[in-house]
Every structure is written in structure tokens, then in C-alpha cells.
Amino acid sequence: MDYKKSNAPVDTVTRNIMDLCKDTGNIYESVVIISKRANQISAEIKQDLSKKLQEFASYNDTLEEVFENREQIEISRYYEKLPKPTLLATQEFIDGNVYWRDPSKEPQI
């Protein structure tokens, strides 16, 4: 999923609990699925941001050479304006774009 093109809201939205537990039948199971997906999205965003900021890394650590890079600031602001991983994961779950399985409910061979 491309989090940059997501239609997830940027602000917190009140959700109907019954809509969240419709697929799983259990609100707690739905919350666990959403939280695990949010952790995956968060790790992906962090890795992407780190990769982009690595291009601007300076290996000379003297106080006189520290300066602000306009492009680096713009990249950071862009990532700050993205929806939070929890909101992205919730939107994915509601849209039916999250795959999950429960090994304890699968038939044993």
C-alpha cells in the first residue's frame, strides 16, 4: 500500500465500533490487527524517511559546519503532514485491504 496516496484522514475520526468488528466478530481482535498493521506502516515510513535523509548526512561533526538544509526541512515537513500510521491502518482495515489469519482457528492436520 502506498501511504502517500492513501485517502485516510489526517485528523482523528470517530468510528462506529460495529463497523470495525464486522469482519472479525470481535472488536479486540480488530484492534490487534489494526495495531500490528500500524506498526508495519510505521516501520516502513521510518525506513523511507531515514533513506531520504541519509542523502543529506554530514559526517563532519563540528559546530561550525552545522547548517540547515532547505530540502531536508521540506522532506521532514512532508512526513510530518502525513496521516499517522494508526489512521492509515484503520482506513486499510475498513477498506478491506488488510490480510490476516488466526492460526489457532485454522483446522489442524
PDB file of N, CA and C in Angstrom:
ATOM      1  N   MET A   1       0.835  -1.179   0.000  1.00  0.00           N
ATOM      2  CA  MET A   1       0.000   0.000   0.000  1.00  0.00           C
ATOM      3  C   MET A   1       0.875   1.234   0.000  1.00  0.00           C
ATOM      4  N   ASP A   2       0.513   2.184  -0.801  1.00  0.00           N
ATOM      5  CA  ASP A   2       1.267   3.423  -0.869  1.00  0.00           C
ATOM      6  C   ASP A   2       0.642   4.418   0.094  1.00  0.00           C
ATOM      7  N   TYR A   3       1.308   4.662   1.197  1.00  0.00           N
ATOM      8  CA  TYR A   3       0.752   5.541   2.225  1.00  0.00           C
ATOM      9  C   TYR A   3       0.695   6.995   1.766  1.00  0.00           C
ATOM     10  N   LYS A   4       1.437   7.337   0.741  1.00  0.00           N
ATOM     11  CA  LYS A   4       1.430   8.710   0.240  1.00  0.00           C
ATOM     12  C   LYS A   4       0.136   9.016  -0.515  1.00  0.00           C
ATOM     13  N   LYS A   5      -0.497   8.007  -1.084  1.00  0.00           N
ATOM     14  CA  LYS A   5      -1.708   8.199  -1.862  1.00  0.00           C
ATOM     15  C   LYS A   5      -2.956   7.710  -1.132  1.00  0.00           C
ATOM     16  N   SER A   6      -2.862   7.510   0.145  1.00  0.00           N
ATOM     17  CA  SER A   6      -3.973   6.994   0.924  1.00  0.00           C
ATOM     18  C   SER A   6      -5.057   8.054   1.095  1.00  0.00           C
ATOM     19  N   ASN A   7      -6.293   7.595   1.209  1.00  0.00           N
ATOM     20  CA  ASN A   7      -7.393   8.503   1.464  1.00  0.00           C
ATOM     21  C   ASN A   7      -7.740   8.561   2.947  1.00  0.00           C
ATOM     22  N   ALA A   8      -6.797   8.179   3.794  1.00  0.00           N
ATOM     23  CA  ALA A   8      -7.006   8.211   5.238  1.00  0.00           C
ATOM     24  C   ALA A   8      -7.048   9.655   5.717  1.00  0.00           C
ATOM     25  N   PRO A   9      -7.902   9.936   6.705  1.00  0.00           N
ATOM     26  CA  PRO A   9      -7.978  11.301   7.228  1.00  0.00           C
ATOM     27  C   PRO A   9      -6.710  11.658   8.003  1.00  0.00           C
ATOM     28  N   VAL A  10      -6.393  12.944   8.020  1.00  0.00           N
ATOM     29  CA  VAL A  10      -5.214  13.410   8.749  1.00  0.00           C
ATOM     30  C   VAL A  10      -5.540  13.592  10.229  1.00  0.00           C
ATOM     31  N   ASP A  11      -6.795  13.934  10.515  1.00  0.00           N
ATOM     32  CA  ASP A  11      -7.234  14.138  11.895  1.00  0.00           C
ATOM     33  C   ASP A  11      -7.971  12.902  12.396  1.00  0.00           C
ATOM     34  N   THR A  12      -8.156  12.838  13.692  1.00  0.00           N
ATOM     35  CA  THR A  12      -8.864  11.730  14.305  1.00  0.00           C
ATOM     36  C   THR A  12     -10.340  11.766  13.908  1.00  0.00           C
ATOM     37  N   VAL A  13     -10.878  10.599  13.614  1.00  0.00           N
ATOM     38  CA  VAL A  13     -12.271  10.469  13.201  1.00  0.00           C
ATOM     39  C   VAL A  13     -12.961   9.483  14.127  1.00  0.00           C
ATOM     40  N   THR A  14     -14.172   9.807  14.539  1.00  0.00           N
ATOM     41  CA  THR A  14     -14.952   8.895  15.368  1.00  0.00           C
ATOM     42  C   THR A  14     -15.466   7.762  14.493  1.00  0.00           C
ATOM     43  N   ARG A  15     -15.234   6.535  14.921  1.00  0.00           N
ATOM     44  CA  ARG A  15     -15.637   5.357  14.137  1.00  0.00           C
ATOM     45  C   ARG A  15     -16.724   4.586  14.880  1.00  0.00           C
ATOM     46  N   ASN A  16     -17.548   3.918  14.140  1.00  0.00           N
ATOM     47  CA  ASN A  16     -18.564   3.048  14.717  1.00  0.00           C
ATOM     48  C   ASN A  16     -17.898   1.709  15.048  1.00  0.00           C
ATOM     49  N   ILE A  17     -18.008   1.300  16.277  1.00  0.00           N
ATOM     50  CA  ILE A  17     -17.356   0.065  16.729  1.00  0.00           C
ATOM     51  C   ILE A  17     -17.899  -1.144  15.975  1.00  0.00           C
ATOM     52  N   MET A  18     -19.155  -1.117  15.659  1.00  0.00           N
ATOM     53  CA  MET A  18     -19.751  -2.250  14.963  1.00  0.00           C
ATOM     54  C   MET A  18     -19.180  -2.409  13.552  1.00  0.00           C
ATOM     55  N   ASP A  19     -18.777  -1.302  12.925  1.00  0.00           N
ATOM     56  CA  ASP A  19     -18.148  -1.388  11.605  1.00  0.00           C
ATOM     57  C   ASP A  19     -16.767  -2.031  11.700  1.00  0.00           C
ATOM     58  N   LEU A  20     -16.059  -1.758  12.802  1.00  0.00           N
ATOM     59  CA  LEU A  20     -14.719  -2.315  12.972  1.00  0.00           C
ATOM     60  C   LEU A  20     -14.744  -3.808  13.280  1.00  0.00           C
ATOM     61  N   CYS A  21     -15.754  -4.258  13.989  1.00  0.00           N
ATOM     62  CA  CYS A  21     -15.781  -5.684  14.359  1.00  0.00           C
ATOM     63  C   CYS A  21     -16.633  -6.511  13.399  1.00  0.00           C
ATOM     64  N   LYS A  22     -17.070  -5.917  12.296  1.00  0.00           N
ATOM     65  CA  LYS A  22     -17.908  -6.624  11.323  1.00  0.00           C
ATOM     66  C   LYS A  22     -17.174  -7.821  10.710  1.00  0.00           C
ATOM     67  N   ASP A  23     -15.909  -7.649  10.341  1.00  0.00           N
ATOM     68  CA  ASP A  23     -15.163  -8.720   9.665  1.00  0.00           C
ATOM     69  C   ASP A  23     -14.680  -9.801  10.621  1.00  0.00           C
ATOM     70  N   THR A  24     -14.285  -9.417  11.818  1.00  0.00           N
ATOM     71  CA  THR A  24     -13.704 -10.381  12.751  1.00  0.00           C
ATOM     72  C   THR A  24     -14.710 -10.913  13.755  1.00  0.00           C
ATOM     73  N   GLY A  25     -15.751 -10.133  14.052  1.00  0.00           N
ATOM     74  CA  GLY A  25     -16.726 -10.547  15.052  1.00  0.00           C
ATOM     75  C   GLY A  25     -16.287 -10.209  16.464  1.00  0.00           C
ATOM     76  N   ASN A  26     -15.125  -9.578  16.607  1.00  0.00           N
ATOM     77  CA  ASN A  26     -14.590  -9.258  17.922  1.00  0.00           C
ATOM     78  C   ASN A  26     -13.816  -7.945  17.818  1.00  0.00           C
ATOM     79  N   ILE A  27     -14.218  -6.941  18.583  1.00  0.00           N
ATOM     80  CA  ILE A  27     -13.570  -5.630  18.494  1.00  0.00           C
ATOM     81  C   ILE A  27     -12.112  -5.709  18.937  1.00  0.00           C
ATOM     82  N   TYR A  28     -11.806  -6.547  19.906  1.00  0.00           N
ATOM     83  CA  TYR A  28     -10.432  -6.656  20.393  1.00  0.00           C
ATOM     84  C   TYR A  28      -9.512  -7.265  19.336  1.00  0.00           C
ATOM     85  N   GLU A  29     -10.020  -8.237  18.623  1.00  0.00           N
ATOM     86  CA  GLU A  29      -9.242  -8.839  17.541  1.00  0.00           C
ATOM     87  C   GLU A  29      -9.003  -7.816  16.427  1.00  0.00           C
ATOM     88  N   SER A  30     -10.016  -7.021  16.141  1.00  0.00           N
ATOM     89  CA  SER A  30      -9.866  -5.973  15.126  1.00  0.00           C
ATOM     90  C   SER A  30      -8.815  -4.953  15.535  1.00  0.00           C
ATOM     91  N   VAL A  31      -8.819  -4.566  16.800  1.00  0.00           N
ATOM     92  CA  VAL A  31      -7.847  -3.589  17.296  1.00  0.00           C
ATOM     93  C   VAL A  31      -6.433  -4.154  17.224  1.00  0.00           C
ATOM     94  N   VAL A  32      -6.256  -5.434  17.526  1.00  0.00           N
ATOM     95  CA  VAL A  32      -4.941  -6.059  17.439  1.00  0.00           C
ATOM     96  C   VAL A  32      -4.456  -6.085  15.988  1.00  0.00           C
ATOM     97  N   ILE A  33      -5.347  -6.410  15.074  1.00  0.00           N
ATOM     98  CA  ILE A  33      -4.982  -6.443  13.650  1.00  0.00           C
ATOM     99  C   ILE A  33      -4.573  -5.054  13.186  1.00  0.00           C
ATOM    100  N   ILE A  34      -5.357  -4.046  13.561  1.00  0.00           N
ATOM    101  CA  ILE A  34      -5.048  -2.670  13.171  1.00  0.00           C
ATOM    102  C   ILE A  34      -3.734  -2.220  13.784  1.00  0.00           C
ATOM    103  N   SER A  35      -3.489  -2.569  15.037  1.00  0.00           N
ATOM    104  CA  SER A  35      -2.246  -2.127  15.688  1.00  0.00           C
ATOM    105  C   SER A  35      -1.016  -2.791  15.083  1.00  0.00           C
ATOM    106  N   LYS A  36      -1.119  -4.059  14.733  1.00  0.00           N
ATOM    107  CA  LYS A  36       0.017  -4.734  14.099  1.00  0.00           C
ATOM    108  C   LYS A  36       0.296  -4.151  12.719  1.00  0.00           C
ATOM    109  N   ARG A  37      -0.756  -3.824  11.977  1.00  0.00           N
ATOM    110  CA  ARG A  37      -0.565  -3.193  10.665  1.00  0.00           C
ATOM    111  C   ARG A  37       0.006  -1.788  10.831  1.00  0.00           C
ATOM    112  N   ALA A  38      -0.419  -1.060  11.858  1.00  0.00           N
ATOM    113  CA  ALA A  38       0.118   0.281  12.116  1.00  0.00           C
ATOM    114  C   ALA A  38       1.614   0.210  12.424  1.00  0.00           C
ATOM    115  N   ASN A  39       2.043  -0.817  13.140  1.00  0.00           N
ATOM    116  CA  ASN A  39       3.471  -0.998  13.413  1.00  0.00           C
ATOM    117  C   ASN A  39       4.246  -1.249  12.120  1.00  0.00           C
ATOM    118  N   GLN A  40       3.672  -2.040  11.215  1.00  0.00           N
ATOM    119  CA  GLN A  40       4.327  -2.288   9.931  1.00  0.00           C
ATOM    120  C   GLN A  40       4.434  -1.004   9.107  1.00  0.00           C
ATOM    121  N   ILE A  41       3.361  -0.224   9.079  1.00  0.00           N
ATOM    122  CA  ILE A  41       3.370   1.034   8.331  1.00  0.00           C
ATOM    123  C   ILE A  41       4.375   2.001   8.936  1.00  0.00           C
ATOM    124  N   SER A  42       4.406   2.067  10.250  1.00  0.00           N
ATOM    125  CA  SER A  42       5.335   2.962  10.935  1.00  0.00           C
ATOM    126  C   SER A  42       6.780   2.611  10.611  1.00  0.00           C
ATOM    127  N   ALA A  43       7.096   1.334  10.606  1.00  0.00           N
ATOM    128  CA  ALA A  43       8.459   0.897  10.271  1.00  0.00           C
ATOM    129  C   ALA A  43       8.798   1.230   8.822  1.00  0.00           C
ATOM    130  N   GLU A  44       7.823   1.081   7.925  1.00  0.00           N
ATOM    131  CA  GLU A  44       8.041   1.387   6.512  1.00  0.00           C
ATOM    132  C   GLU A  44       8.273   2.887   6.314  1.00  0.00           C
ATOM    133  N   ILE A  45       7.490   3.717   6.987  1.00  0.00           N
ATOM    134  CA  ILE A  45       7.651   5.167   6.873  1.00  0.00           C
ATOM    135  C   ILE A  45       8.997   5.594   7.447  1.00  0.00           C
ATOM    136  N   LYS A  46       9.360   5.024   8.587  1.00  0.00           N
ATOM    137  CA  LYS A  46      10.633   5.371   9.217  1.00  0.00           C
ATOM    138  C   LYS A  46      11.809   4.989   8.324  1.00  0.00           C
ATOM    139  N   GLN A  47      11.740   3.827   7.726  1.00  0.00           N
ATOM    140  CA  GLN A  47      12.810   3.371   6.841  1.00  0.00           C
ATOM    141  C   GLN A  47      12.909   4.276   5.609  1.00  0.00           C
ATOM    142  N   ASP A  48      11.768   4.642   5.053  1.00  0.00           N
ATOM    143  CA  ASP A  48      11.745   5.520   3.883  1.00  0.00           C
ATOM    144  C   ASP A  48      12.305   6.902   4.219  1.00  0.00           C
ATOM    145  N   LEU A  49      11.903   7.452   5.351  1.00  0.00           N
ATOM    146  CA  LEU A  49      12.402   8.761   5.771  1.00  0.00           C
ATOM    147  C   LEU A  49      13.899   8.719   6.051  1.00  0.00           C
ATOM    148  N   SER A  50      14.352   7.689   6.715  1.00  0.00           N
ATOM    149  CA  SER A  50      15.782   7.552   7.014  1.00  0.00           C
ATOM    150  C   SER A  50      16.607   7.458   5.744  1.00  0.00           C
ATOM    151  N   LYS A  51      16.085   6.728   4.757  1.00  0.00           N
ATOM    152  CA  LYS A  51      16.792   6.585   3.487  1.00  0.00           C
ATOM    153  C   LYS A  51      16.905   7.928   2.774  1.00  0.00           C
ATOM    154  N   LYS A  52      15.828   8.710   2.802  1.00  0.00           N
ATOM    155  CA  LYS A  52      15.862  10.016   2.146  1.00  0.00           C
ATOM    156  C   LYS A  52      16.748  11.009   2.885  1.00  0.00           C
ATOM    157  N   LEU A  53      16.738  10.963   4.211  1.00  0.00           N
ATOM    158  CA  LEU A  53      17.559  11.900   4.985  1.00  0.00           C
ATOM    159  C   LEU A  53      19.027  11.496   4.997  1.00  0.00           C
ATOM    160  N   GLN A  54      19.302  10.228   4.706  1.00  0.00           N
ATOM    161  CA  GLN A  54      20.689   9.756   4.659  1.00  0.00           C
ATOM    162  C   GLN A  54      21.465  10.465   3.549  1.00  0.00           C
ATOM    163  N   GLU A  55      20.766  10.894   2.509  1.00  0.00           N
ATOM    164  CA  GLU A  55      21.422  11.605   1.411  1.00  0.00           C
ATOM    165  C   GLU A  55      22.026  12.931   1.882  1.00  0.00           C
ATOM    166  N   PHE A  56      21.444  13.499   2.940  1.00  0.00           N
ATOM    167  CA  PHE A  56      21.904  14.790   3.437  1.00  0.00           C
ATOM    168  C   PHE A  56      22.835  14.660   4.637  1.00  0.00           C
ATOM    169  N   ALA A  57      23.179  13.441   5.008  1.00  0.00           N
ATOM    170  CA  ALA A  57      24.002  13.227   6.196  1.00  0.00           C
ATOM    171  C   ALA A  57      25.381  13.839   6.022  1.00  0.00           C
ATOM    172  N   SER A  58      25.815  14.490   7.077  1.00  0.00           N
ATOM    173  CA  SER A  58      27.141  15.088   7.095  1.00  0.00           C
ATOM    174  C   SER A  58      27.980  14.332   8.113  1.00  0.00           C
ATOM    175  N   TYR A  59      29.137  13.919   7.693  1.00  0.00           N
ATOM    176  CA  TYR A  59      29.974  13.123   8.583  1.00  0.00           C
ATOM    177  C   TYR A  59      31.027  13.962   9.298  1.00  0.00           C
ATOM    178  N   ASN A  60      31.006  15.250   9.072  1.00  0.00           N
ATOM    179  CA  ASN A  60      31.895  16.157   9.786  1.00  0.00           C
ATOM    180  C   ASN A  60      31.101  16.792  10.909  1.00  0.00           C
ATOM    181  N   ASP A  61      31.398  16.404  12.137  1.00  0.00           N
ATOM    182  CA  ASP A  61      30.612  16.867  13.277  1.00  0.00           C
ATOM    183  C   ASP A  61      31.313  17.987  14.041  1.00  0.00           C
ATOM    184  N   THR A  62      31.467  19.100  13.413  1.00  0.00           N
ATOM    185  CA  THR A  62      31.981  20.265  14.131  1.00  0.00           C
ATOM    186  C   THR A  62      30.861  21.283  14.213  1.00  0.00           C
ATOM    187  N   LEU A  63      30.838  22.049  15.257  1.00  0.00           N
ATOM    188  CA  LEU A  63      29.770  23.010  15.464  1.00  0.00           C
ATOM    189  C   LEU A  63      29.768  24.108  14.402  1.00  0.00           C
ATOM    190  N   GLU A  64      30.898  24.410  13.854  1.00  0.00           N
ATOM    191  CA  GLU A  64      30.977  25.478  12.867  1.00  0.00           C
ATOM    192  C   GLU A  64      30.387  25.076  11.525  1.00  0.00           C
ATOM    193  N   GLU A  65      30.316  23.786  11.252  1.00  0.00           N
ATOM    194  CA  GLU A  65      29.850  23.322   9.951  1.00  0.00           C
ATOM    195  C   GLU A  65      28.382  22.903   9.940  1.00  0.00           C
ATOM    196  N   VAL A  66      27.696  23.064  11.071  1.00  0.00           N
ATOM    197  CA  VAL A  66      26.300  22.686  11.124  1.00  0.00           C
ATOM    198  C   VAL A  66      25.472  23.782  10.455  1.00  0.00           C
ATOM    199  N   PHE A  67      24.662  23.394   9.494  1.00  0.00           N
ATOM    200  CA  PHE A  67      23.808  24.352   8.807  1.00  0.00           C
ATOM    201  C   PHE A  67      22.484  23.676   8.450  1.00  0.00           C
ATOM    202  N   GLU A  68      21.490  24.480   8.185  1.00  0.00           N
ATOM    203  CA  GLU A  68      20.181  23.948   7.837  1.00  0.00           C
ATOM    204  C   GLU A  68      20.097  23.743   6.335  1.00  0.00           C
ATOM    205  N   ASN A  69      19.603  22.627   5.958  1.00  0.00           N
ATOM    206  CA  ASN A  69      19.426  22.310   4.555  1.00  0.00           C
ATOM    207  C   ASN A  69      17.938  22.438   4.235  1.00  0.00           C
ATOM    208  N   ARG A  70      17.588  23.302   3.331  1.00  0.00           N
ATOM    209  CA  ARG A  70      16.191  23.581   2.997  1.00  0.00           C
ATOM    210  C   ARG A  70      15.470  22.327   2.505  1.00  0.00           C
ATOM    211  N   GLU A  71      16.102  21.517   1.682  1.00  0.00           N
ATOM    212  CA  GLU A  71      15.475  20.299   1.166  1.00  0.00           C
ATOM    213  C   GLU A  71      15.190  19.304   2.288  1.00  0.00           C
ATOM    214  N   GLN A  72      16.109  19.205   3.222  1.00  0.00           N
ATOM    215  CA  GLN A  72      15.938  18.296   4.351  1.00  0.00           C
ATOM    216  C   GLN A  72      14.751  18.735   5.210  1.00  0.00           C
ATOM    217  N   ILE A  73      14.601  20.028   5.403  1.00  0.00           N
ATOM    218  CA  ILE A  73      13.482  20.551   6.182  1.00  0.00           C
ATOM    219  C   ILE A  73      12.168  20.278   5.465  1.00  0.00           C
ATOM    220  N   GLU A  74      12.134  20.442   4.160  1.00  0.00           N
ATOM    221  CA  GLU A  74      10.912  20.196   3.390  1.00  0.00           C
ATOM    222  C   GLU A  74      10.508  18.718   3.438  1.00  0.00           C
ATOM    223  N   ILE A  75      11.484  17.832   3.359  1.00  0.00           N
ATOM    224  CA  ILE A  75      11.194  16.396   3.454  1.00  0.00           C
ATOM    225  C   ILE A  75      10.611  16.066   4.823  1.00  0.00           C
ATOM    226  N   SER A  76      11.201  16.616   5.863  1.00  0.00           N
ATOM    227  CA  SER A  76      10.706  16.368   7.215  1.00  0.00           C
ATOM    228  C   SER A  76       9.290  16.906   7.393  1.00  0.00           C
ATOM    229  N   ARG A  77       9.015  18.077   6.878  1.00  0.00           N
ATOM    230  CA  ARG A  77       7.666  18.651   6.979  1.00  0.00           C
ATOM    231  C   ARG A  77       6.652  17.807   6.220  1.00  0.00           C
ATOM    232  N   TYR A  78       7.051  17.291   5.074  1.00  0.00           N
ATOM    233  CA  TYR A  78       6.145  16.445   4.296  1.00  0.00           C
ATOM    234  C   TYR A  78       5.735  15.212   5.103  1.00  0.00           C
ATOM    235  N   TYR A  79       6.703  14.564   5.744  1.00  0.00           N
ATOM    236  CA  TYR A  79       6.411  13.361   6.518  1.00  0.00           C
ATOM    237  C   TYR A  79       5.619  13.686   7.781  1.00  0.00           C
ATOM    238  N   GLU A  80       5.785  14.884   8.327  1.00  0.00           N
ATOM    239  CA  GLU A  80       5.006  15.277   9.494  1.00  0.00           C
ATOM    240  C   GLU A  80       3.538  15.485   9.142  1.00  0.00           C
ATOM    241  N   LYS A  81       3.260  15.869   7.906  1.00  0.00           N
ATOM    242  CA  LYS A  81       1.889  16.141   7.481  1.00  0.00           C
ATOM    243  C   LYS A  81       1.136  14.879   7.051  1.00  0.00           C
ATOM    244  N   LEU A  82       1.838  13.785   6.880  1.00  0.00           N
ATOM    245  CA  LEU A  82       1.174  12.533   6.503  1.00  0.00           C
ATOM    246  C   LEU A  82       0.263  12.062   7.633  1.00  0.00           C
ATOM    247  N   PRO A  83      -0.795  11.311   7.300  1.00  0.00           N
ATOM    248  CA  PRO A  83      -1.623  10.728   8.365  1.00  0.00           C
ATOM    249  C   PRO A  83      -0.797   9.783   9.224  1.00  0.00           C
ATOM    250  N   LYS A  84      -1.165   9.673  10.481  1.00  0.00           N
ATOM    251  CA  LYS A  84      -0.457   8.795  11.406  1.00  0.00           C
ATOM    252  C   LYS A  84      -0.664   7.330  10.996  1.00  0.00           C
ATOM    253  N   PRO A  85       0.294   6.469  11.317  1.00  0.00           N
ATOM    254  CA  PRO A  85       0.183   5.056  10.933  1.00  0.00           C
ATOM    255  C   PRO A  85      -1.094   4.378  11.442  1.00  0.00           C
ATOM    256  N   THR A  86      -1.573   4.770  12.608  1.00  0.00           N
ATOM    257  CA  THR A  86      -2.798   4.178  13.132  1.00  0.00           C
ATOM    258  C   THR A  86      -3.992   4.530  12.261  1.00  0.00           C
ATOM    259  N   LEU A  87      -4.051   5.773  11.795  1.00  0.00           N
ATOM    260  CA  LEU A  87      -5.147   6.186  10.916  1.00  0.00           C
ATOM    261  C   LEU A  87      -5.058   5.494   9.559  1.00  0.00           C
ATOM    262  N   LEU A  88      -3.841   5.341   9.055  1.00  0.00           N
ATOM    263  CA  LEU A  88      -3.655   4.621   7.794  1.00  0.00           C
ATOM    264  C   LEU A  88      -4.093   3.160   7.924  1.00  0.00           C
ATOM    265  N   ALA A  89      -3.686   2.516   9.017  1.00  0.00           N
ATOM    266  CA  ALA A  89      -4.034   1.106   9.231  1.00  0.00           C
ATOM    267  C   ALA A  89      -5.542   0.933   9.416  1.00  0.00           C
ATOM    268  N   THR A  90      -6.170   1.855  10.123  1.00  0.00           N
ATOM    269  CA  THR A  90      -7.623   1.768  10.317  1.00  0.00           C
ATOM    270  C   THR A  90      -8.352   1.910   8.996  1.00  0.00           C
ATOM    271  N   GLN A  91      -7.903   2.839   8.174  1.00  0.00           N
ATOM    272  CA  GLN A  91      -8.537   3.027   6.868  1.00  0.00           C
ATOM    273  C   GLN A  91      -8.349   1.792   5.991  1.00  0.00           C
ATOM    274  N   GLU A  92      -7.166   1.204   6.016  1.00  0.00           N
ATOM    275  CA  GLU A  92      -6.922  -0.029   5.255  1.00  0.00           C
ATOM    276  C   GLU A  92      -7.841  -1.149   5.731  1.00  0.00           C
ATOM    277  N   PHE A  93      -8.004  -1.261   7.050  1.00  0.00           N
ATOM    278  CA  PHE A  93      -8.844  -2.315   7.619  1.00  0.00           C
ATOM    279  C   PHE A  93     -10.297  -2.131   7.191  1.00  0.00           C
ATOM    280  N   ILE A  94     -10.772  -0.903   7.245  1.00  0.00           N
ATOM    281  CA  ILE A  94     -12.159  -0.622   6.869  1.00  0.00           C
ATOM    282  C   ILE A  94     -12.379  -0.877   5.380  1.00  0.00           C
ATOM    283  N   ASP A  95     -11.385  -0.528   4.562  1.00  0.00           N
ATOM    284  CA  ASP A  95     -11.490  -0.744   3.116  1.00  0.00           C
ATOM    285  C   ASP A  95     -11.320  -2.210   2.726  1.00  0.00           C
ATOM    286  N   GLY A  96     -10.887  -3.048   3.655  1.00  0.00           N
ATOM    287  CA  GLY A  96     -10.699  -4.470   3.373  1.00  0.00           C
ATOM    288  C   GLY A  96      -9.378  -4.776   2.699  1.00  0.00           C
ATOM    289  N   ASN A  97      -8.368  -3.925   2.894  1.00  0.00           N
ATOM    290  CA  ASN A  97      -7.068  -4.118   2.252  1.00  0.00           C
ATOM    291  C   ASN A  97      -6.041  -4.777   3.166  1.00  0.00           C
ATOM    292  N   VAL A  98      -6.472  -5.301   4.294  1.00  0.00           N
ATOM    293  CA  VAL A  98      -5.552  -5.939   5.235  1.00  0.00           C
ATOM    294  C   VAL A  98      -5.854  -7.436   5.256  1.00  0.00           C
ATOM    295  N   TYR A  99      -4.804  -8.233   5.071  1.00  0.00           N
ATOM    296  CA  TYR A  99      -4.950  -9.689   5.147  1.00  0.00           C
ATOM    297  C   TYR A  99      -4.473 -10.141   6.518  1.00  0.00           C
ATOM    298  N   TRP A 100      -5.257 -10.969   7.188  1.00  0.00           N
ATOM    299  CA  TRP A 100      -4.856 -11.532   8.464  1.00  0.00           C
ATOM    300  C   TRP A 100      -5.381 -12.950   8.562  1.00  0.00           C
ATOM    301  N   ARG A 101      -4.756 -13.685   9.444  1.00  0.00           N
ATOM    302  CA  ARG A 101      -5.222 -15.040   9.721  1.00  0.00           C
ATOM    303  C   ARG A 101      -4.919 -15.355  11.169  1.00  0.00           C
ATOM    304  N   ASP A 102      -5.687 -16.249  11.731  1.00  0.00           N
ATOM    305  CA  ASP A 102      -5.520 -16.670  13.120  1.00  0.00           C
ATOM    306  C   ASP A 102      -5.173 -18.157  13.110  1.00  0.00           C
ATOM    307  N   PRO A 103      -3.912 -18.484  13.384  1.00  0.00           N
ATOM    308  CA  PRO A 103      -3.513 -19.893  13.333  1.00  0.00           C
ATOM    309  C   PRO A 103      -4.277 -20.777  14.310  1.00  0.00           C
ATOM    310  N   SER A 104      -4.753 -20.213  15.416  1.00  0.00           N
ATOM    311  CA  SER A 104      -5.474 -21.032  16.392  1.00  0.00           C
ATOM    312  C   SER A 104      -6.860 -21.439  15.889  1.00  0.00           C
ATOM    313  N   LYS A 105      -7.384 -20.727  14.908  1.00  0.00           N
ATOM    314  CA  LYS A 105      -8.712 -21.044  14.364  1.00  0.00           C
ATOM    315  C   LYS A 105      -8.641 -21.895  13.108  1.00  0.00           C
ATOM    316  N   GLU A 106      -7.435 -22.131  12.607  1.00  0.00           N
ATOM    317  CA  GLU A 106      -7.277 -22.946  11.405  1.00  0.00           C
ATOM    318  C   GLU A 106      -7.347 -24.422  11.775  1.00  0.00           C
ATOM    319  N   PRO A 107      -7.910 -25.254  10.893  1.00  0.00           N
ATOM    320  CA  PRO A 107      -8.003 -26.694  11.199  1.00  0.00           C
ATOM    321  C   PRO A 107      -6.604 -27.332  11.278  1.00  0.00           C
ATOM    322  N   GLN A 108      -6.457 -28.194  12.262  1.00  0.00           N
ATOM    323  CA  GLN A 108      -5.198 -28.919  12.454  1.00  0.00           C
ATOM    324  C   GLN A 108      -5.184 -30.157  11.578  1.00  0.00           C
ATOM    325  N   ILE A 109      -4.037 -30.439  11.003  1.00  0.00           N
ATOM    326  CA  ILE A 109      -3.912 -31.608  10.125  1.00  0.00           C
ATOM    327  C   ILE A 109      -3.337 -32.767  10.882  1.00  0.00           C
TER     328      ILE A 109
END
